[in-house]
Amino acid sequence: MHVLLLFIASIIIVDALVGDRGLLAMLQARKEFDELGAAIARQRVENAWLREEARRLREDPSAIEEVARRELGLIKPGEKIFIIKDVASPMQSAPSPGSPKTPAVVPSR
């Protein structure tokens, strides 16, 4: 009788640990919950940044000009573009990390 009770108790303990609603499943669900909470927090920060950026683009003409210059490469009439490229030495095949990636815009006078 004691062996049977011990066997049933061990089955209940094992089920409590590794069953569908056991300790391991609960720990996995808690980990997933925390990861999703962190993802939601990141998305909220990104949404706030995007809302602010949209507000700036609606209300601030200089923000529109900044985007037009940066993303579209537009210049004002009378400005000149100087593209500066580094000359790679024979020992260096890739461009240096500090080399400019965008052209420099200099207003002409």
PDB file of N, CA and C in Angstrom:
ATOM      1  N   MET A   1       0.820  -1.192   0.000  1.00  0.00           N
ATOM      2  CA  MET A   1       0.000   0.000   0.000  1.00  0.00           C
ATOM      3  C   MET A   1       0.870   1.265   0.000  1.00  0.00           C
ATOM      4  N   HIS A   2       1.968   1.229   0.791  1.00  0.00           N
ATOM      5  CA  HIS A   2       2.868   2.379   0.842  1.00  0.00           C
ATOM      6  C   HIS A   2       3.536   2.609  -0.510  1.00  0.00           C
ATOM      7  N   VAL A   3       3.885   1.532  -1.181  1.00  0.00           N
ATOM      8  CA  VAL A   3       4.527   1.654  -2.489  1.00  0.00           C
ATOM      9  C   VAL A   3       3.561   2.276  -3.485  1.00  0.00           C
ATOM     10  N   LEU A   4       2.295   1.872  -3.436  1.00  0.00           N
ATOM     11  CA  LEU A   4       1.274   2.419  -4.329  1.00  0.00           C
ATOM     12  C   LEU A   4       1.067   3.906  -4.051  1.00  0.00           C
ATOM     13  N   LEU A   5       0.991   4.306  -2.809  1.00  0.00           N
ATOM     14  CA  LEU A   5       0.834   5.723  -2.459  1.00  0.00           C
ATOM     15  C   LEU A   5       2.072   6.524  -2.881  1.00  0.00           C
ATOM     16  N   LEU A   6       3.241   5.956  -2.695  1.00  0.00           N
ATOM     17  CA  LEU A   6       4.470   6.615  -3.115  1.00  0.00           C
ATOM     18  C   LEU A   6       4.513   6.764  -4.636  1.00  0.00           C
ATOM     19  N   PHE A   7       4.081   5.759  -5.353  1.00  0.00           N
ATOM     20  CA  PHE A   7       4.031   5.810  -6.813  1.00  0.00           C
ATOM     21  C   PHE A   7       3.048   6.877  -7.278  1.00  0.00           C
ATOM     22  N   ILE A   8       1.865   6.941  -6.704  1.00  0.00           N
ATOM     23  CA  ILE A   8       0.850   7.945  -7.077  1.00  0.00           C
ATOM     24  C   ILE A   8       1.348   9.344  -6.736  1.00  0.00           C
ATOM     25  N   ALA A   9       1.981   9.487  -5.579  1.00  0.00           N
ATOM     26  CA  ALA A   9       2.516  10.793  -5.190  1.00  0.00           C
ATOM     27  C   ALA A   9       3.613  11.233  -6.153  1.00  0.00           C
ATOM     28  N   SER A  10       4.467  10.315  -6.571  1.00  0.00           N
ATOM     29  CA  SER A  10       5.532  10.681  -7.512  1.00  0.00           C
ATOM     30  C   SER A  10       4.951  11.061  -8.870  1.00  0.00           C
ATOM     31  N   ILE A  11       3.899  10.400  -9.299  1.00  0.00           N
ATOM     32  CA  ILE A  11       3.238  10.763 -10.560  1.00  0.00           C
ATOM     33  C   ILE A  11       2.648  12.170 -10.461  1.00  0.00           C
ATOM     34  N   ILE A  12       2.032  12.486  -9.344  1.00  0.00           N
ATOM     35  CA  ILE A  12       1.447  13.820  -9.146  1.00  0.00           C
ATOM     36  C   ILE A  12       2.539  14.887  -9.135  1.00  0.00           C
ATOM     37  N   ILE A  13       3.658  14.598  -8.488  1.00  0.00           N
ATOM     38  CA  ILE A  13       4.765  15.565  -8.430  1.00  0.00           C
ATOM     39  C   ILE A  13       5.368  15.779  -9.820  1.00  0.00           C
ATOM     40  N   VAL A  14       5.571  14.704 -10.550  1.00  0.00           N
ATOM     41  CA  VAL A  14       6.123  14.827 -11.907  1.00  0.00           C
ATOM     42  C   VAL A  14       5.163  15.604 -12.793  1.00  0.00           C
ATOM     43  N   ASP A  15       3.880  15.346 -12.687  1.00  0.00           N
ATOM     44  CA  ASP A  15       2.885  16.078 -13.475  1.00  0.00           C
ATOM     45  C   ASP A  15       2.876  17.552 -13.094  1.00  0.00           C
ATOM     46  N   ALA A  16       3.054  17.847 -11.816  1.00  0.00           N
ATOM     47  CA  ALA A  16       3.081  19.239 -11.369  1.00  0.00           C
ATOM     48  C   ALA A  16       4.303  19.963 -11.913  1.00  0.00           C
ATOM     49  N   LEU A  17       5.370  19.257 -12.130  1.00  0.00           N
ATOM     50  CA  LEU A  17       6.581  19.886 -12.638  1.00  0.00           C
ATOM     51  C   LEU A  17       6.592  20.027 -14.156  1.00  0.00           C
ATOM     52  N   VAL A  18       6.228  18.971 -14.880  1.00  0.00           N
ATOM     53  CA  VAL A  18       6.374  18.985 -16.332  1.00  0.00           C
ATOM     54  C   VAL A  18       5.060  18.862 -17.096  1.00  0.00           C
ATOM     55  N   GLY A  19       3.955  18.897 -16.439  1.00  0.00           N
ATOM     56  CA  GLY A  19       2.668  18.780 -17.129  1.00  0.00           C
ATOM     57  C   GLY A  19       2.319  20.045 -17.905  1.00  0.00           C
ATOM     58  N   ASP A  20       1.146  20.025 -18.544  1.00  0.00           N
ATOM     59  CA  ASP A  20       0.688  21.177 -19.337  1.00  0.00           C
ATOM     60  C   ASP A  20       0.580  22.440 -18.495  1.00  0.00           C
ATOM     61  N   ARG A  21       0.217  22.282 -17.246  1.00  0.00           N
ATOM     62  CA  ARG A  21       0.105  23.431 -16.348  1.00  0.00           C
ATOM     63  C   ARG A  21       1.105  23.322 -15.211  1.00  0.00           C
ATOM     64  N   GLY A  22       2.204  22.687 -15.476  1.00  0.00           N
ATOM     65  CA  GLY A  22       3.215  22.451 -14.461  1.00  0.00           C
ATOM     66  C   GLY A  22       4.145  23.633 -14.277  1.00  0.00           C
ATOM     67  N   LEU A  23       5.098  23.449 -13.412  1.00  0.00           N
ATOM     68  CA  LEU A  23       6.050  24.499 -13.058  1.00  0.00           C
ATOM     69  C   LEU A  23       6.870  24.938 -14.264  1.00  0.00           C
ATOM     70  N   LEU A  24       7.359  24.004 -15.058  1.00  0.00           N
ATOM     71  CA  LEU A  24       8.168  24.361 -16.218  1.00  0.00           C
ATOM     72  C   LEU A  24       7.355  25.145 -17.253  1.00  0.00           C
ATOM     73  N   ALA A  25       6.111  24.738 -17.462  1.00  0.00           N
ATOM     74  CA  ALA A  25       5.247  25.459 -18.401  1.00  0.00           C
ATOM     75  C   ALA A  25       4.957  26.864 -17.882  1.00  0.00           C
ATOM     76  N   MET A  26       4.777  26.994 -16.566  1.00  0.00           N
ATOM     77  CA  MET A  26       4.514  28.305 -15.993  1.00  0.00           C
ATOM     78  C   MET A  26       5.743  29.211 -16.129  1.00  0.00           C
ATOM     79  N   LEU A  27       6.922  28.662 -15.902  1.00  0.00           N
ATOM     80  CA  LEU A  27       8.132  29.462 -16.056  1.00  0.00           C
ATOM     81  C   LEU A  27       8.335  29.900 -17.500  1.00  0.00           C
ATOM     82  N   GLN A  28       8.055  29.006 -18.443  1.00  0.00           N
ATOM     83  CA  GLN A  28       8.157  29.352 -19.865  1.00  0.00           C
ATOM     84  C   GLN A  28       7.140  30.437 -20.228  1.00  0.00           C
ATOM     85  N   ALA A  29       5.921  30.315 -19.723  1.00  0.00           N
ATOM     86  CA  ALA A  29       4.893  31.318 -19.997  1.00  0.00           C
ATOM     87  C   ALA A  29       5.274  32.662 -19.387  1.00  0.00           C
ATOM     88  N   ARG A  30       5.862  32.652 -18.203  1.00  0.00           N
ATOM     89  CA  ARG A  30       6.283  33.902 -17.566  1.00  0.00           C
ATOM     90  C   ARG A  30       7.407  34.553 -18.368  1.00  0.00           C
ATOM     91  N   LYS A  31       8.348  33.755 -18.867  1.00  0.00           N
ATOM     92  CA  LYS A  31       9.437  34.279 -19.688  1.00  0.00           C
ATOM     93  C   LYS A  31       8.879  34.905 -20.963  1.00  0.00           C
ATOM     94  N   GLU A  32       7.957  34.221 -21.604  1.00  0.00           N
ATOM     95  CA  GLU A  32       7.333  34.742 -22.826  1.00  0.00           C
ATOM     96  C   GLU A  32       6.557  36.022 -22.530  1.00  0.00           C
ATOM     97  N   PHE A  33       5.875  36.067 -21.394  1.00  0.00           N
ATOM     98  CA  PHE A  33       5.133  37.255 -20.981  1.00  0.00           C
ATOM     99  C   PHE A  33       6.075  38.448 -20.811  1.00  0.00           C
ATOM    100  N   ASP A  34       7.219  38.218 -20.158  1.00  0.00           N
ATOM    101  CA  ASP A  34       8.189  39.288 -19.964  1.00  0.00           C
ATOM    102  C   ASP A  34       8.764  39.765 -21.295  1.00  0.00           C
ATOM    103  N   GLU A  35       9.055  38.841 -22.212  1.00  0.00           N
ATOM    104  CA  GLU A  35       9.581  39.218 -23.528  1.00  0.00           C
ATOM    105  C   GLU A  35       8.559  40.039 -24.306  1.00  0.00           C
ATOM    106  N   LEU A  36       7.298  39.625 -24.248  1.00  0.00           N
ATOM    107  CA  LEU A  36       6.253  40.369 -24.953  1.00  0.00           C
ATOM    108  C   LEU A  36       6.046  41.746 -24.324  1.00  0.00           C
ATOM    109  N   GLY A  37       6.151  41.825 -23.005  1.00  0.00           N
ATOM    110  CA  GLY A  37       6.046  43.119 -22.337  1.00  0.00           C
ATOM    111  C   GLY A  37       7.158  44.062 -22.769  1.00  0.00           C
ATOM    112  N   ALA A  38       8.376  43.532 -22.893  1.00  0.00           N
ATOM    113  CA  ALA A  38       9.497  44.353 -23.359  1.00  0.00           C
ATOM    114  C   ALA A  38       9.284  44.784 -24.809  1.00  0.00           C
ATOM    115  N   ALA A  39       8.755  43.891 -25.641  1.00  0.00           N
ATOM    116  CA  ALA A  39       8.493  44.242 -27.040  1.00  0.00           C
ATOM    117  C   ALA A  39       7.425  45.332 -27.123  1.00  0.00           C
ATOM    118  N   ILE A  40       6.421  45.241 -26.285  1.00  0.00           N
ATOM    119  CA  ILE A  40       5.369  46.269 -26.261  1.00  0.00           C
ATOM    120  C   ILE A  40       5.957  47.606 -25.834  1.00  0.00           C
ATOM    121  N   ALA A  41       6.821  47.593 -24.831  1.00  0.00           N
ATOM    122  CA  ALA A  41       7.450  48.842 -24.374  1.00  0.00           C
ATOM    123  C   ALA A  41       8.289  49.464 -25.488  1.00  0.00           C
ATOM    124  N   ARG A  42       9.049  48.634 -26.221  1.00  0.00           N
ATOM    125  CA  ARG A  42       9.843  49.161 -27.338  1.00  0.00           C
ATOM    126  C   ARG A  42       8.939  49.757 -28.417  1.00  0.00           C
ATOM    127  N   GLN A  43       7.835  49.080 -28.707  1.00  0.00           N
ATOM    128  CA  GLN A  43       6.915  49.587 -29.723  1.00  0.00           C
ATOM    129  C   GLN A  43       6.273  50.898 -29.287  1.00  0.00           C
ATOM    130  N   ARG A  44       5.978  51.043 -27.998  1.00  0.00           N
ATOM    131  CA  ARG A  44       5.405  52.299 -27.498  1.00  0.00           C
ATOM    132  C   ARG A  44       6.403  53.445 -27.648  1.00  0.00           C
ATOM    133  N   VAL A  45       7.673  53.178 -27.354  1.00  0.00           N
ATOM    134  CA  VAL A  45       8.693  54.216 -27.520  1.00  0.00           C
ATOM    135  C   VAL A  45       8.813  54.590 -28.992  1.00  0.00           C
ATOM    136  N   GLU A  46       8.838  53.593 -29.865  1.00  0.00           N
ATOM    137  CA  GLU A  46       8.928  53.876 -31.298  1.00  0.00           C
ATOM    138  C   GLU A  46       7.704  54.645 -31.787  1.00  0.00           C
ATOM    139  N   ASN A  47       6.517  54.281 -31.308  1.00  0.00           N
ATOM    140  CA  ASN A  47       5.297  54.992 -31.703  1.00  0.00           C
ATOM    141  C   ASN A  47       5.334  56.445 -31.255  1.00  0.00           C
ATOM    142  N   ALA A  48       5.829  56.700 -30.035  1.00  0.00           N
ATOM    143  CA  ALA A  48       5.938  58.075 -29.554  1.00  0.00           C
ATOM    144  C   ALA A  48       6.907  58.865 -30.421  1.00  0.00           C
ATOM    145  N   TRP A  49       8.042  58.232 -30.798  1.00  0.00           N
ATOM    146  CA  TRP A  49       9.002  58.910 -31.655  1.00  0.00           C
ATOM    147  C   TRP A  49       8.382  59.217 -33.018  1.00  0.00           C
ATOM    148  N   LEU A  50       7.648  58.250 -33.572  1.00  0.00           N
ATOM    149  CA  LEU A  50       7.023  58.468 -34.886  1.00  0.00           C
ATOM    150  C   LEU A  50       5.942  59.548 -34.821  1.00  0.00           C
ATOM    151  N   ARG A  51       5.180  59.579 -33.720  1.00  0.00           N
ATOM    152  CA  ARG A  51       4.179  60.646 -33.565  1.00  0.00           C
ATOM    153  C   ARG A  51       4.852  62.018 -33.537  1.00  0.00           C
ATOM    154  N   GLU A  52       5.952  62.118 -32.799  1.00  0.00           N
ATOM    155  CA  GLU A  52       6.679  63.389 -32.714  1.00  0.00           C
ATOM    156  C   GLU A  52       7.254  63.764 -34.075  1.00  0.00           C
ATOM    157  N   GLU A  53       7.794  62.799 -34.779  1.00  0.00           N
ATOM    158  CA  GLU A  53       8.340  63.064 -36.117  1.00  0.00           C
ATOM    159  C   GLU A  53       7.225  63.516 -37.071  1.00  0.00           C
ATOM    160  N   ALA A  54       6.071  62.879 -37.012  1.00  0.00           N
ATOM    161  CA  ALA A  54       4.942  63.279 -37.864  1.00  0.00           C
ATOM    162  C   ALA A  54       4.480  64.688 -37.509  1.00  0.00           C
ATOM    163  N   ARG A  55       4.440  65.008 -36.211  1.00  0.00           N
ATOM    164  CA  ARG A  55       4.041  66.361 -35.799  1.00  0.00           C
ATOM    165  C   ARG A  55       5.043  67.381 -36.330  1.00  0.00           C
ATOM    166  N   ARG A  56       6.346  67.088 -36.216  1.00  0.00           N
ATOM    167  CA  ARG A  56       7.370  67.997 -36.717  1.00  0.00           C
ATOM    168  C   ARG A  56       7.214  68.214 -38.221  1.00  0.00           C
ATOM    169  N   LEU A  57       6.950  67.130 -38.952  1.00  0.00           N
ATOM    170  CA  LEU A  57       6.820  67.254 -40.411  1.00  0.00           C
ATOM    171  C   LEU A  57       5.567  68.033 -40.803  1.00  0.00           C
ATOM    172  N   ARG A  58       4.521  67.969 -39.984  1.00  0.00           N
ATOM    173  CA  ARG A  58       3.305  68.743 -40.264  1.00  0.00           C
ATOM    174  C   ARG A  58       3.487  70.213 -39.940  1.00  0.00           C
ATOM    175  N   GLU A  59       4.231  70.526 -38.872  1.00  0.00           N
ATOM    176  CA  GLU A  59       4.250  71.885 -38.343  1.00  0.00           C
ATOM    177  C   GLU A  59       5.544  72.656 -38.598  1.00  0.00           C
ATOM    178  N   ASP A  60       6.656  71.985 -38.855  1.00  0.00           N
ATOM    179  CA  ASP A  60       7.954  72.651 -38.933  1.00  0.00           C
ATOM    180  C   ASP A  60       8.532  72.532 -40.341  1.00  0.00           C
ATOM    181  N   PRO A  61       8.558  73.635 -41.087  1.00  0.00           N
ATOM    182  CA  PRO A  61       9.116  73.579 -42.441  1.00  0.00           C
ATOM    183  C   PRO A  61      10.590  73.185 -42.469  1.00  0.00           C
ATOM    184  N   SER A  62      11.344  73.528 -41.445  1.00  0.00           N
ATOM    185  CA  SER A  62      12.761  73.158 -41.442  1.00  0.00           C
ATOM    186  C   SER A  62      12.930  71.643 -41.317  1.00  0.00           C
ATOM    187  N   ALA A  63      11.973  70.962 -40.678  1.00  0.00           N
ATOM    188  CA  ALA A  63      12.034  69.499 -40.587  1.00  0.00           C
ATOM    189  C   ALA A  63      11.826  68.880 -41.961  1.00  0.00           C
ATOM    190  N   ILE A  64      10.918  69.454 -42.739  1.00  0.00           N
ATOM    191  CA  ILE A  64      10.681  68.961 -44.097  1.00  0.00           C
ATOM    192  C   ILE A  64      11.928  69.175 -44.951  1.00  0.00           C
ATOM    193  N   GLU A  65      12.558  70.344 -44.798  1.00  0.00           N
ATOM    194  CA  GLU A  65      13.776  70.620 -45.547  1.00  0.00           C
ATOM    195  C   GLU A  65      14.886  69.639 -45.156  1.00  0.00           C
ATOM    196  N   GLU A  66      15.001  69.357 -43.878  1.00  0.00           N
ATOM    197  CA  GLU A  66      16.028  68.422 -43.406  1.00  0.00           C
ATOM    198  C   GLU A  66      15.844  67.041 -44.023  1.00  0.00           C
ATOM    199  N   VAL A  67      14.596  66.556 -44.055  1.00  0.00           N
ATOM    200  CA  VAL A  67      14.319  65.244 -44.641  1.00  0.00           C
ATOM    201  C   VAL A  67      14.589  65.265 -46.142  1.00  0.00           C
ATOM    202  N   ALA A  68      14.197  66.341 -46.806  1.00  0.00           N
ATOM    203  CA  ALA A  68      14.416  66.440 -48.248  1.00  0.00           C
ATOM    204  C   ALA A  68      15.906  66.432 -48.577  1.00  0.00           C
ATOM    205  N   ARG A  69      16.696  67.091 -47.770  1.00  0.00           N
ATOM    206  CA  ARG A  69      18.139  67.115 -48.012  1.00  0.00           C
ATOM    207  C   ARG A  69      18.775  65.761 -47.701  1.00  0.00           C
ATOM    208  N   ARG A  70      18.388  65.178 -46.573  1.00  0.00           N
ATOM    209  CA  ARG A  70      19.025  63.937 -46.125  1.00  0.00           C
ATOM    210  C   ARG A  70      18.605  62.741 -46.978  1.00  0.00           C
ATOM    211  N   GLU A  71      17.318  62.580 -47.210  1.00  0.00           N
ATOM    212  CA  GLU A  71      16.839  61.360 -47.863  1.00  0.00           C
ATOM    213  C   GLU A  71      16.711  61.483 -49.376  1.00  0.00           C
ATOM    214  N   LEU A  72      16.438  62.677 -49.859  1.00  0.00           N
ATOM    215  CA  LEU A  72      16.239  62.843 -51.291  1.00  0.00           C
ATOM    216  C   LEU A  72      17.421  63.506 -51.981  1.00  0.00           C
ATOM    217  N   GLY A  73      18.359  64.035 -51.201  1.00  0.00           N
ATOM    218  CA  GLY A  73      19.532  64.669 -51.782  1.00  0.00           C
ATOM    219  C   GLY A  73      19.226  65.983 -52.468  1.00  0.00           C
ATOM    220  N   LEU A  74      18.168  66.659 -52.070  1.00  0.00           N
ATOM    221  CA  LEU A  74      17.797  67.930 -52.703  1.00  0.00           C
ATOM    222  C   LEU A  74      18.692  69.059 -52.182  1.00  0.00           C
ATOM    223  N   ILE A  75      18.878  70.053 -53.051  1.00  0.00           N
ATOM    224  CA  ILE A  75      19.664  71.232 -52.682  1.00  0.00           C
ATOM    225  C   ILE A  75      18.873  72.472 -53.059  1.00  0.00           C
ATOM    226  N   LYS A  76      19.257  73.596 -52.455  1.00  0.00           N
ATOM    227  CA  LYS A  76      18.622  74.875 -52.779  1.00  0.00           C
ATOM    228  C   LYS A  76      19.277  75.449 -54.030  1.00  0.00           C
ATOM    229  N   PRO A  77      18.567  76.312 -54.745  1.00  0.00           N
ATOM    230  CA  PRO A  77      19.187  76.977 -55.897  1.00  0.00           C
ATOM    231  C   PRO A  77      20.404  77.783 -55.438  1.00  0.00           C
ATOM    232  N   GLY A  78      21.492  77.670 -56.175  1.00  0.00           N
ATOM    233  CA  GLY A  78      22.713  78.399 -55.848  1.00  0.00           C
ATOM    234  C   GLY A  78      23.690  77.606 -54.993  1.00  0.00           C
ATOM    235  N   GLU A  79      23.273  76.492 -54.436  1.00  0.00           N
ATOM    236  CA  GLU A  79      24.188  75.670 -53.651  1.00  0.00           C
ATOM    237  C   GLU A  79      24.978  74.758 -54.577  1.00  0.00           C
ATOM    238  N   LYS A  80      26.157  74.404 -54.139  1.00  0.00           N
ATOM    239  CA  LYS A  80      26.994  73.494 -54.908  1.00  0.00           C
ATOM    240  C   LYS A  80      27.274  72.274 -54.052  1.00  0.00           C
ATOM    241  N   ILE A  81      27.339  71.129 -54.689  1.00  0.00           N
ATOM    242  CA  ILE A  81      27.619  69.878 -53.985  1.00  0.00           C
ATOM    243  C   ILE A  81      29.059  69.488 -54.256  1.00  0.00           C
ATOM    244  N   PHE A  82      29.757  69.164 -53.193  1.00  0.00           N
ATOM    245  CA  PHE A  82      31.116  68.649 -53.307  1.00  0.00           C
ATOM    246  C   PHE A  82      31.100  67.231 -52.769  1.00  0.00           C
ATOM    247  N   ILE A  83      31.439  66.276 -53.611  1.00  0.00           N
ATOM    248  CA  ILE A  83      31.500  64.874 -53.187  1.00  0.00           C
ATOM    249  C   ILE A  83      32.960  64.557 -52.912  1.00  0.00           C
ATOM    250  N   ILE A  84      33.225  64.196 -51.668  1.00  0.00           N
ATOM    251  CA  ILE A  84      34.589  63.923 -51.238  1.00  0.00           C
ATOM    252  C   ILE A  84      34.735  62.423 -51.066  1.00  0.00           C
ATOM    253  N   LYS A  85      35.698  61.846 -51.797  1.00  0.00           N
ATOM    254  CA  LYS A  85      35.932  60.406 -51.705  1.00  0.00           C
ATOM    255  C   LYS A  85      37.345  60.180 -51.202  1.00  0.00           C
ATOM    256  N   ASP A  86      37.511  59.192 -50.360  1.00  0.00           N
ATOM    257  CA  ASP A  86      38.834  58.809 -49.906  1.00  0.00           C
ATOM    258  C   ASP A  86      39.476  57.931 -50.977  1.00  0.00           C
ATOM    259  N   VAL A  87      40.742  58.134 -51.197  1.00  0.00           N
ATOM    260  CA  VAL A  87      41.484  57.290 -52.121  1.00  0.00           C
ATOM    261  C   VAL A  87      42.053  56.135 -51.310  1.00  0.00           C
ATOM    262  N   ALA A  88      41.684  54.925 -51.692  1.00  0.00           N
ATOM    263  CA  ALA A  88      42.142  53.749 -50.953  1.00  0.00           C
ATOM    264  C   ALA A  88      43.589  53.448 -51.321  1.00  0.00           C
ATOM    265  N   SER A  89      44.389  53.167 -50.312  1.00  0.00           N
ATOM    266  CA  SER A  89      45.772  52.774 -50.556  1.00  0.00           C
ATOM    267  C   SER A  89      45.785  51.331 -51.048  1.00  0.00           C
ATOM    268  N   PRO A  90      46.860  50.870 -51.648  1.00  0.00           N
ATOM    269  CA  PRO A  90      46.910  49.486 -52.138  1.00  0.00           C
ATOM    270  C   PRO A  90      46.695  48.459 -51.028  1.00  0.00           C
ATOM    271  N   MET A  91      47.091  48.794 -49.806  1.00  0.00           N
ATOM    272  CA  MET A  91      46.933  47.871 -48.688  1.00  0.00           C
ATOM    273  C   MET A  91      45.504  47.869 -48.158  1.00  0.00           C
ATOM    274  N   GLN A  92      44.738  48.906 -48.468  1.00  0.00           N
ATOM    275  CA  GLN A  92      43.387  49.060 -47.925  1.00  0.00           C
ATOM    276  C   GLN A  92      42.383  48.886 -49.056  1.00  0.00           C
ATOM    277  N   SER A  93      41.559  47.837 -48.978  1.00  0.00           N
ATOM    278  CA  SER A  93      40.602  47.588 -50.053  1.00  0.00           C
ATOM    279  C   SER A  93      39.226  48.149 -49.737  1.00  0.00           C
ATOM    280  N   ALA A  94      38.846  48.226 -48.463  1.00  0.00           N
ATOM    281  CA  ALA A  94      37.532  48.734 -48.075  1.00  0.00           C
ATOM    282  C   ALA A  94      37.667  50.192 -47.650  1.00  0.00           C
ATOM    283  N   PRO A  95      36.589  50.983 -47.800  1.00  0.00           N
ATOM    284  CA  PRO A  95      36.640  52.377 -47.361  1.00  0.00           C
ATOM    285  C   PRO A  95      36.781  52.449 -45.847  1.00  0.00           C
ATOM    286  N   SER A  96      37.428  53.509 -45.395  1.00  0.00           N
ATOM    287  CA  SER A  96      37.640  53.662 -43.957  1.00  0.00           C
ATOM    288  C   SER A  96      36.314  53.938 -43.259  1.00  0.00           C
ATOM    289  N   PRO A  97      36.187  53.559 -41.967  1.00  0.00           N
ATOM    290  CA  PRO A  97      34.932  53.755 -41.258  1.00  0.00           C
ATOM    291  C   PRO A  97      34.543  55.213 -41.126  1.00  0.00           C
ATOM    292  N   GLY A  98      35.497  56.125 -41.148  1.00  0.00           N
ATOM    293  CA  GLY A  98      35.176  57.534 -40.985  1.00  0.00           C
ATOM    294  C   GLY A  98      34.897  58.252 -42.282  1.00  0.00           C
ATOM    295  N   SER A  99      34.895  57.536 -43.400  1.00  0.00           N
ATOM    296  CA  SER A  99      34.682  58.208 -44.676  1.00  0.00           C
ATOM    297  C   SER A  99      33.225  58.638 -44.809  1.00  0.00           C
ATOM    298  N   PRO A 100      33.001  59.840 -45.372  1.00  0.00           N
ATOM    299  CA  PRO A 100      31.629  60.329 -45.489  1.00  0.00           C
ATOM    300  C   PRO A 100      30.829  59.513 -46.492  1.00  0.00           C
ATOM    301  N   LYS A 101      29.567  59.321 -46.185  1.00  0.00           N
ATOM    302  CA  LYS A 101      28.693  58.540 -47.047  1.00  0.00           C
ATOM    303  C   LYS A 101      27.752  59.433 -47.844  1.00  0.00           C
ATOM    304  N   THR A 102      27.624  60.695 -47.428  1.00  0.00           N
ATOM    305  CA  THR A 102      26.733  61.610 -48.117  1.00  0.00           C
ATOM    306  C   THR A 102      27.540  62.787 -48.634  1.00  0.00           C
ATOM    307  N   PRO A 103      27.081  63.389 -49.699  1.00  0.00           N
ATOM    308  CA  PRO A 103      27.817  64.543 -50.224  1.00  0.00           C
ATOM    309  C   PRO A 103      27.711  65.735 -49.287  1.00  0.00           C
ATOM    310  N   ALA A 104      28.722  66.599 -49.308  1.00  0.00           N
ATOM    311  CA  ALA A 104      28.706  67.804 -48.515  1.00  0.00           C
ATOM    312  C   ALA A 104      28.046  68.906 -49.340  1.00  0.00           C
ATOM    313  N   VAL A 105      27.104  69.614 -48.754  1.00  0.00           N
ATOM    314  CA  VAL A 105      26.417  70.704 -49.433  1.00  0.00           C
ATOM    315  C   VAL A 105      26.969  72.012 -48.895  1.00  0.00           C
ATOM    316  N   VAL A 106      27.483  72.854 -49.780  1.00  0.00           N
ATOM    317  CA  VAL A 106      28.046  74.130 -49.381  1.00  0.00           C
ATOM    318  C   VAL A 106      27.312  75.215 -50.136  1.00  0.00           C
ATOM    319  N   PRO A 107      26.683  76.152 -49.431  1.00  0.00           N
ATOM    320  CA  PRO A 107      25.999  77.244 -50.131  1.00  0.00           C
ATOM    321  C   PRO A 107      27.013  78.136 -50.836  1.00  0.00           C
ATOM    322  N   SER A 108      26.722  78.501 -52.080  1.00  0.00           N
ATOM    323  CA  SER A 108      27.618  79.390 -52.810  1.00  0.00           C
ATOM    324  C   SER A 108      27.267  80.825 -52.471  1.00  0.00           C
ATOM    325  N   ARG A 109      28.253  81.696 -52.557  1.00  0.00           N
ATOM    326  CA  ARG A 109      28.035  83.105 -52.186  1.00  0.00           C
ATOM    327  C   ARG A 109      28.340  84.009 -53.323  1.00  0.00           C
TER     328      ARG A 109
END
